[in-house]
All heavy atoms as atom14 arrays in JSON, in Angstrom:
{
  "sequence": "QAEWVLSEAIGVMRREETTLTELQQSKYDM",
  "atom14_mask": [
    [1, 1, 1, 1, 1, 1, 1, 1, 1, 0, 0, 0, 0, 0],
    [1, 1, 1, 1, 1, 0, 0, 0, 0, 0, 0, 0, 0, 0],
    [1, 1, 1, 1, 1, 1, 1, 1, 1, 0, 0, 0, 0, 0],
    [1, 1, 1, 1, 1, 1, 1, 1, 1, 1, 1, 1, 1, 1],
    [1, 1, 1, 1, 1, 1, 1, 0, 0, 0, 0, 0, 0, 0],
    [1, 1, 1, 1, 1, 1, 1, 1, 0, 0, 0, 0, 0, 0],
    [1, 1, 1, 1, 1, 1, 0, 0, 0, 0, 0, 0, 0, 0],
    [1, 1, 1, 1, 1, 1, 1, 1, 1, 0, 0, 0, 0, 0],
    [1, 1, 1, 1, 1, 0, 0, 0, 0, 0, 0, 0, 0, 0],
    [1, 1, 1, 1, 1, 1, 1, 1, 0, 0, 0, 0, 0, 0],
    [1, 1, 1, 1, 0, 0, 0, 0, 0, 0, 0, 0, 0, 0],
    [1, 1, 1, 1, 1, 1, 1, 0, 0, 0, 0, 0, 0, 0],
    [1, 1, 1, 1, 1, 1, 1, 1, 0, 0, 0, 0, 0, 0],
    [1, 1, 1, 1, 1, 1, 1, 1, 1, 1, 1, 0, 0, 0],
    [1, 1, 1, 1, 1, 1, 1, 1, 1, 1, 1, 0, 0, 0],
    [1, 1, 1, 1, 1, 1, 1, 1, 1, 0, 0, 0, 0, 0],
    [1, 1, 1, 1, 1, 1, 1, 1, 1, 0, 0, 0, 0, 0],
    [1, 1, 1, 1, 1, 1, 1, 0, 0, 0, 0, 0, 0, 0],
    [1, 1, 1, 1, 1, 1, 1, 0, 0, 0, 0, 0, 0, 0],
    [1, 1, 1, 1, 1, 1, 1, 1, 0, 0, 0, 0, 0, 0],
    [1, 1, 1, 1, 1, 1, 1, 0, 0, 0, 0, 0, 0, 0],
    [1, 1, 1, 1, 1, 1, 1, 1, 1, 0, 0, 0, 0, 0],
    [1, 1, 1, 1, 1, 1, 1, 1, 0, 0, 0, 0, 0, 0],
    [1, 1, 1, 1, 1, 1, 1, 1, 1, 0, 0, 0, 0, 0],
    [1, 1, 1, 1, 1, 1, 1, 1, 1, 0, 0, 0, 0, 0],
    [1, 1, 1, 1, 1, 1, 0, 0, 0, 0, 0, 0, 0, 0],
    [1, 1, 1, 1, 1, 1, 1, 1, 1, 0, 0, 0, 0, 0],
    [1, 1, 1, 1, 1, 1, 1, 1, 1, 1, 1, 1, 0, 0],
    [1, 1, 1, 1, 1, 1, 1, 1, 0, 0, 0, 0, 0, 0],
    [1, 1, 1, 1, 1, 1, 1, 1, 0, 0, 0, 0, 0, 0]
  ],
  "atom14_positions": [
    [[-4.04, -11.39, 19.26], [-4.88, -11.02, 18.23], [-4.84, -9.62, 17.68], [-4.93, -9.3, 16.63], [-6.31, -11.31, 18.72], [-6.67, -12.82, 18.79], [-8.0, -13.08, 19.45], [-8.79, -12.17, 19.9], [-8.42, -14.43, 19.42], [0.0, 0.0, 0.0], [0.0, 0.0, 0.0], [0.0, 0.0, 0.0], [0.0, 0.0, 0.0], [0.0, 0.0, 0.0]],
    [[-4.62, -8.71, 18.66], [-4.49, -7.21, 18.3], [-3.17, -7.11, 17.41], [-3.19, -6.32, 16.55], [-4.42, -6.36, 19.52], [0.0, 0.0, 0.0], [0.0, 0.0, 0.0], [0.0, 0.0, 0.0], [0.0, 0.0, 0.0], [0.0, 0.0, 0.0], [0.0, 0.0, 0.0], [0.0, 0.0, 0.0], [0.0, 0.0, 0.0], [0.0, 0.0, 0.0]],
    [[-2.21, -7.79, 17.87], [-0.93, -7.74, 16.95], [-1.24, -8.27, 15.55], [-0.7, -7.74, 14.62], [0.07, -8.63, 17.65], [0.75, -7.95, 18.86], [1.72, -8.95, 19.66], [1.63, -10.14, 19.38], [2.4, -8.41, 20.44], [0.0, 0.0, 0.0], [0.0, 0.0, 0.0], [0.0, 0.0, 0.0], [0.0, 0.0, 0.0], [0.0, 0.0, 0.0]],
    [[-1.98, -9.43, 15.48], [-2.26, -9.89, 14.19], [-3.02, -8.97, 13.33], [-2.83, -8.7, 12.12], [-3.1, -11.27, 14.16], [-2.23, -12.36, 14.63], [-0.89, -12.48, 14.72], [-2.84, -13.62, 15.2], [-0.62, -13.72, 15.35], [-1.81, -14.39, 15.56], [-4.17, -14.06, 15.54], [-1.84, -15.7, 16.12], [-4.27, -15.28, 16.03], [-3.12, -16.1, 16.51]],
    [[-4.06, -8.28, 13.93], [-4.98, -7.31, 13.28], [-4.07, -6.08, 12.86], [-4.35, -5.63, 11.66], [-6.17, -6.87, 14.18], [-6.93, -5.75, 13.65], [-7.12, -8.0, 14.51], [0.0, 0.0, 0.0], [0.0, 0.0, 0.0], [0.0, 0.0, 0.0], [0.0, 0.0, 0.0], [0.0, 0.0, 0.0], [0.0, 0.0, 0.0], [0.0, 0.0, 0.0]],
    [[-3.28, -5.76, 13.66], [-2.3, -4.56, 13.35], [-1.42, -4.91, 12.23], [-1.33, -4.17, 11.19], [-1.47, -4.13, 14.49], [-0.51, -2.99, 14.28], [-1.17, -1.78, 13.71], [0.44, -2.73, 15.48], [0.0, 0.0, 0.0], [0.0, 0.0, 0.0], [0.0, 0.0, 0.0], [0.0, 0.0, 0.0], [0.0, 0.0, 0.0], [0.0, 0.0, 0.0]],
    [[-0.9, -6.09, 12.26], [-0.14, -6.48, 11.16], [-0.87, -6.65, 9.8], [-0.33, -6.23, 8.76], [0.53, -8.03, 11.41], [1.23, -8.47, 10.44], [0.0, 0.0, 0.0], [0.0, 0.0, 0.0], [0.0, 0.0, 0.0], [0.0, 0.0, 0.0], [0.0, 0.0, 0.0], [0.0, 0.0, 0.0], [0.0, 0.0, 0.0], [0.0, 0.0, 0.0]],
    [[-2.07, -7.1, 9.88], [-2.92, -7.11, 8.62], [-3.16, -5.71, 8.14], [-3.08, -5.51, 6.93], [-4.18, -7.97, 8.95], [-5.08, -7.96, 7.74], [-6.41, -8.81, 8.11], [-6.41, -9.65, 8.84], [-7.45, -8.37, 7.61], [0.0, 0.0, 0.0], [0.0, 0.0, 0.0], [0.0, 0.0, 0.0], [0.0, 0.0, 0.0], [0.0, 0.0, 0.0]],
    [[-3.41, -4.76, 9.05], [-3.71, -3.33, 8.62], [-2.51, -2.64, 8.1], [-2.65, -1.94, 7.07], [-4.21, -2.55, 9.89], [0.0, 0.0, 0.0], [0.0, 0.0, 0.0], [0.0, 0.0, 0.0], [0.0, 0.0, 0.0], [0.0, 0.0, 0.0], [0.0, 0.0, 0.0], [0.0, 0.0, 0.0], [0.0, 0.0, 0.0], [0.0, 0.0, 0.0]],
    [[-1.4, -3.03, 8.51], [-0.12, -2.51, 8.02], [0.01, -3.02, 6.61], [0.55, -2.37, 5.69], [1.15, -2.83, 8.95], [1.04, -1.98, 10.23], [2.38, -2.56, 8.22], [2.07, -2.33, 11.3], [0.0, 0.0, 0.0], [0.0, 0.0, 0.0], [0.0, 0.0, 0.0], [0.0, 0.0, 0.0], [0.0, 0.0, 0.0], [0.0, 0.0, 0.0]],
    [[-0.3, -4.35, 6.41], [-0.1, -4.93, 5.12], [-1.04, -4.22, 4.04], [-0.64, -3.98, 2.94], [0.0, 0.0, 0.0], [0.0, 0.0, 0.0], [0.0, 0.0, 0.0], [0.0, 0.0, 0.0], [0.0, 0.0, 0.0], [0.0, 0.0, 0.0], [0.0, 0.0, 0.0], [0.0, 0.0, 0.0], [0.0, 0.0, 0.0], [0.0, 0.0, 0.0]],
    [[-2.25, -3.96, 4.44], [-3.12, -3.22, 3.61], [-2.64, -1.81, 3.25], [-2.7, -1.37, 2.05], [-4.54, -3.06, 4.28], [-5.47, -2.11, 3.43], [-5.28, -4.39, 4.36], [0.0, 0.0, 0.0], [0.0, 0.0, 0.0], [0.0, 0.0, 0.0], [0.0, 0.0, 0.0], [0.0, 0.0, 0.0], [0.0, 0.0, 0.0], [0.0, 0.0, 0.0]],
    [[-2.04, -1.11, 4.27], [-1.51, 0.21, 4.18], [-0.41, 0.1, 3.09], [-0.31, 0.93, 2.24], [-1.14, 0.73, 5.37], [-0.5, 2.22, 5.3], [0.04, 2.89, 6.91], [1.61, 1.96, 7.02], [0.0, 0.0, 0.0], [0.0, 0.0, 0.0], [0.0, 0.0, 0.0], [0.0, 0.0, 0.0], [0.0, 0.0, 0.0], [0.0, 0.0, 0.0]],
    [[0.49, -0.86, 3.24], [1.69, -1.07, 2.34], [1.28, -1.32, 0.92], [1.8, -0.76, -0.08], [2.59, -2.17, 2.88], [3.27, -1.77, 4.23], [4.76, -1.76, 4.17], [5.23, -1.06, 5.29], [5.62, -1.78, 6.38], [5.57, -3.12, 6.52], [6.14, -1.14, 7.47], [0.0, 0.0, 0.0], [0.0, 0.0, 0.0], [0.0, 0.0, 0.0]],
    [[0.21, -2.14, 0.8], [-0.27, -2.49, -0.57], [-0.92, -1.1, -1.2], [-0.71, -0.84, -2.32], [-1.4, -3.47, -0.56], [-0.74, -4.91, -0.38], [-1.79, -5.9, -0.58], [-2.9, -6.0, 0.42], [-2.81, -6.55, 1.51], [-1.78, -7.18, 2.02], [-3.92, -6.49, 2.32], [0.0, 0.0, 0.0], [0.0, 0.0, 0.0], [0.0, 0.0, 0.0]],
    [[-1.52, -0.24, -0.43], [-2.12, 1.02, -0.78], [-0.99, 1.9, -1.33], [-1.11, 2.51, -2.35], [-2.94, 1.67, 0.24], [-4.18, 0.93, 0.58], [-5.23, 0.87, -0.47], [-5.18, 1.55, -1.63], [-6.31, 0.07, -0.37], [0.0, 0.0, 0.0], [0.0, 0.0, 0.0], [0.0, 0.0, 0.0], [0.0, 0.0, 0.0], [0.0, 0.0, 0.0]],
    [[0.09, 1.99, -0.53], [1.31, 2.73, -0.79], [1.9, 2.23, -2.17], [2.29, 3.2, -2.94], [2.26, 2.63, 0.27], [1.9, 3.5, 1.54], [2.79, 3.3, 2.68], [3.68, 2.22, 2.66], [2.85, 4.07, 3.54], [0.0, 0.0, 0.0], [0.0, 0.0, 0.0], [0.0, 0.0, 0.0], [0.0, 0.0, 0.0], [0.0, 0.0, 0.0]],
    [[1.97, 0.99, -2.34], [2.59, 0.45, -3.41], [1.77, 0.8, -4.74], [2.32, 1.18, -5.74], [2.81, -1.12, -3.43], [3.63, -1.37, -2.24], [3.39, -1.72, -4.64], [0.0, 0.0, 0.0], [0.0, 0.0, 0.0], [0.0, 0.0, 0.0], [0.0, 0.0, 0.0], [0.0, 0.0, 0.0], [0.0, 0.0, 0.0], [0.0, 0.0, 0.0]],
    [[0.43, 0.62, -4.61], [-0.42, 0.89, -5.68], [-0.33, 2.45, -6.09], [-0.35, 2.8, -7.18], [-1.89, 0.48, -5.31], [-1.97, -0.85, -5.03], [-2.82, 0.88, -6.58], [0.0, 0.0, 0.0], [0.0, 0.0, 0.0], [0.0, 0.0, 0.0], [0.0, 0.0, 0.0], [0.0, 0.0, 0.0], [0.0, 0.0, 0.0], [0.0, 0.0, 0.0]],
    [[-0.32, 3.31, -5.09], [-0.22, 4.7, -5.25], [1.09, 5.05, -5.97], [1.14, 5.81, -6.98], [-0.21, 5.39, -3.97], [-0.13, 6.94, -4.04], [-1.27, 7.6, -4.87], [-0.12, 7.63, -2.68], [0.0, 0.0, 0.0], [0.0, 0.0, 0.0], [0.0, 0.0, 0.0], [0.0, 0.0, 0.0], [0.0, 0.0, 0.0], [0.0, 0.0, 0.0]],
    [[2.1, 4.38, -5.51], [3.55, 4.65, -6.24], [3.44, 4.18, -7.73], [4.01, 4.98, -8.59], [4.63, 3.89, -5.49], [4.62, 4.37, -4.12], [5.98, 4.06, -6.18], [0.0, 0.0, 0.0], [0.0, 0.0, 0.0], [0.0, 0.0, 0.0], [0.0, 0.0, 0.0], [0.0, 0.0, 0.0], [0.0, 0.0, 0.0], [0.0, 0.0, 0.0]],
    [[2.81, 3.05, -7.99], [2.68, 2.6, -9.31], [1.88, 3.53, -10.23], [2.23, 3.89, -11.33], [2.08, 1.24, -9.46], [2.99, 0.22, -8.85], [2.26, -1.18, -8.67], [1.11, -1.31, -8.76], [2.97, -2.09, -8.22], [0.0, 0.0, 0.0], [0.0, 0.0, 0.0], [0.0, 0.0, 0.0], [0.0, 0.0, 0.0], [0.0, 0.0, 0.0]],
    [[0.79, 4.03, -9.66], [-0.09, 5.08, -10.36], [0.64, 6.31, -10.57], [0.6, 7.0, -11.75], [-1.35, 5.36, -9.5], [-2.46, 4.27, -9.58], [-3.48, 4.67, -8.46], [-3.01, 4.12, -11.0], [0.0, 0.0, 0.0], [0.0, 0.0, 0.0], [0.0, 0.0, 0.0], [0.0, 0.0, 0.0], [0.0, 0.0, 0.0], [0.0, 0.0, 0.0]],
    [[1.45, 6.81, -9.61], [2.23, 8.09, -9.83], [3.36, 7.82, -10.97], [3.54, 8.77, -11.78], [2.84, 8.52, -8.54], [1.9, 9.03, -7.58], [2.41, 9.24, -6.2], [3.39, 8.66, -5.81], [1.73, 10.14, -5.43], [0.0, 0.0, 0.0], [0.0, 0.0, 0.0], [0.0, 0.0, 0.0], [0.0, 0.0, 0.0], [0.0, 0.0, 0.0]],
    [[3.92, 6.67, -10.94], [4.87, 6.3, -12.02], [4.22, 6.24, -13.37], [4.76, 6.86, -14.25], [5.55, 5.02, -11.68], [6.65, 4.73, -12.62], [7.82, 5.7, -12.71], [8.24, 6.21, -11.69], [8.15, 6.11, -13.98], [0.0, 0.0, 0.0], [0.0, 0.0, 0.0], [0.0, 0.0, 0.0], [0.0, 0.0, 0.0], [0.0, 0.0, 0.0]],
    [[2.99, 5.64, -13.29], [2.3, 5.52, -14.59], [1.88, 7.0, -15.17], [1.86, 7.27, -16.38], [1.06, 4.78, -14.45], [0.31, 4.66, -15.66], [0.0, 0.0, 0.0], [0.0, 0.0, 0.0], [0.0, 0.0, 0.0], [0.0, 0.0, 0.0], [0.0, 0.0, 0.0], [0.0, 0.0, 0.0], [0.0, 0.0, 0.0], [0.0, 0.0, 0.0]],
    [[1.47, 7.86, -14.2], [1.08, 9.23, -14.74], [2.38, 9.98, -15.12], [2.31, 10.55, -16.25], [0.63, 9.95, -13.46], [0.31, 11.41, -13.79], [-0.2, 12.1, -12.54], [-0.28, 13.67, -12.83], [-0.47, 14.38, -11.5], [0.0, 0.0, 0.0], [0.0, 0.0, 0.0], [0.0, 0.0, 0.0], [0.0, 0.0, 0.0], [0.0, 0.0, 0.0]],
    [[3.47, 9.8, -14.46], [4.72, 10.34, -14.91], [5.04, 9.83, -16.36], [5.31, 10.63, -17.25], [5.85, 10.13, -14.02], [7.24, 10.67, -14.41], [7.49, 11.95, -14.24], [8.12, 9.75, -14.99], [8.75, 12.49, -14.66], [9.33, 10.21, -15.39], [9.59, 11.68, -15.21], [10.94, 12.03, -15.64], [0.0, 0.0, 0.0], [0.0, 0.0, 0.0]],
    [[5.1, 8.58, -16.61], [5.37, 7.98, -17.85], [4.42, 8.53, -18.98], [4.81, 8.89, -20.19], [5.14, 6.37, -17.85], [6.3, 5.82, -16.9], [7.29, 6.55, -16.6], [6.12, 4.56, -16.53], [0.0, 0.0, 0.0], [0.0, 0.0, 0.0], [0.0, 0.0, 0.0], [0.0, 0.0, 0.0], [0.0, 0.0, 0.0], [0.0, 0.0, 0.0]],
    [[3.11, 8.6, -18.72], [2.19, 9.07, -19.65], [2.3, 10.6, -19.87], [2.25, 11.06, -21.09], [0.68, 8.92, -19.11], [0.21, 7.42, -19.26], [0.46, 6.68, -20.89], [-0.53, 7.82, -21.91], [0.0, 0.0, 0.0], [0.0, 0.0, 0.0], [0.0, 0.0, 0.0], [0.0, 0.0, 0.0], [0.0, 0.0, 0.0], [0.0, 0.0, 0.0]]
  ]
}
């Protein structure tokens, strides 16, 4: 269960990283 919870937390972190990268790209484009 702890492995599953960690995996889920890593997924959330990766989504946050992806969104941040997209925002930075959008800022650069603007």
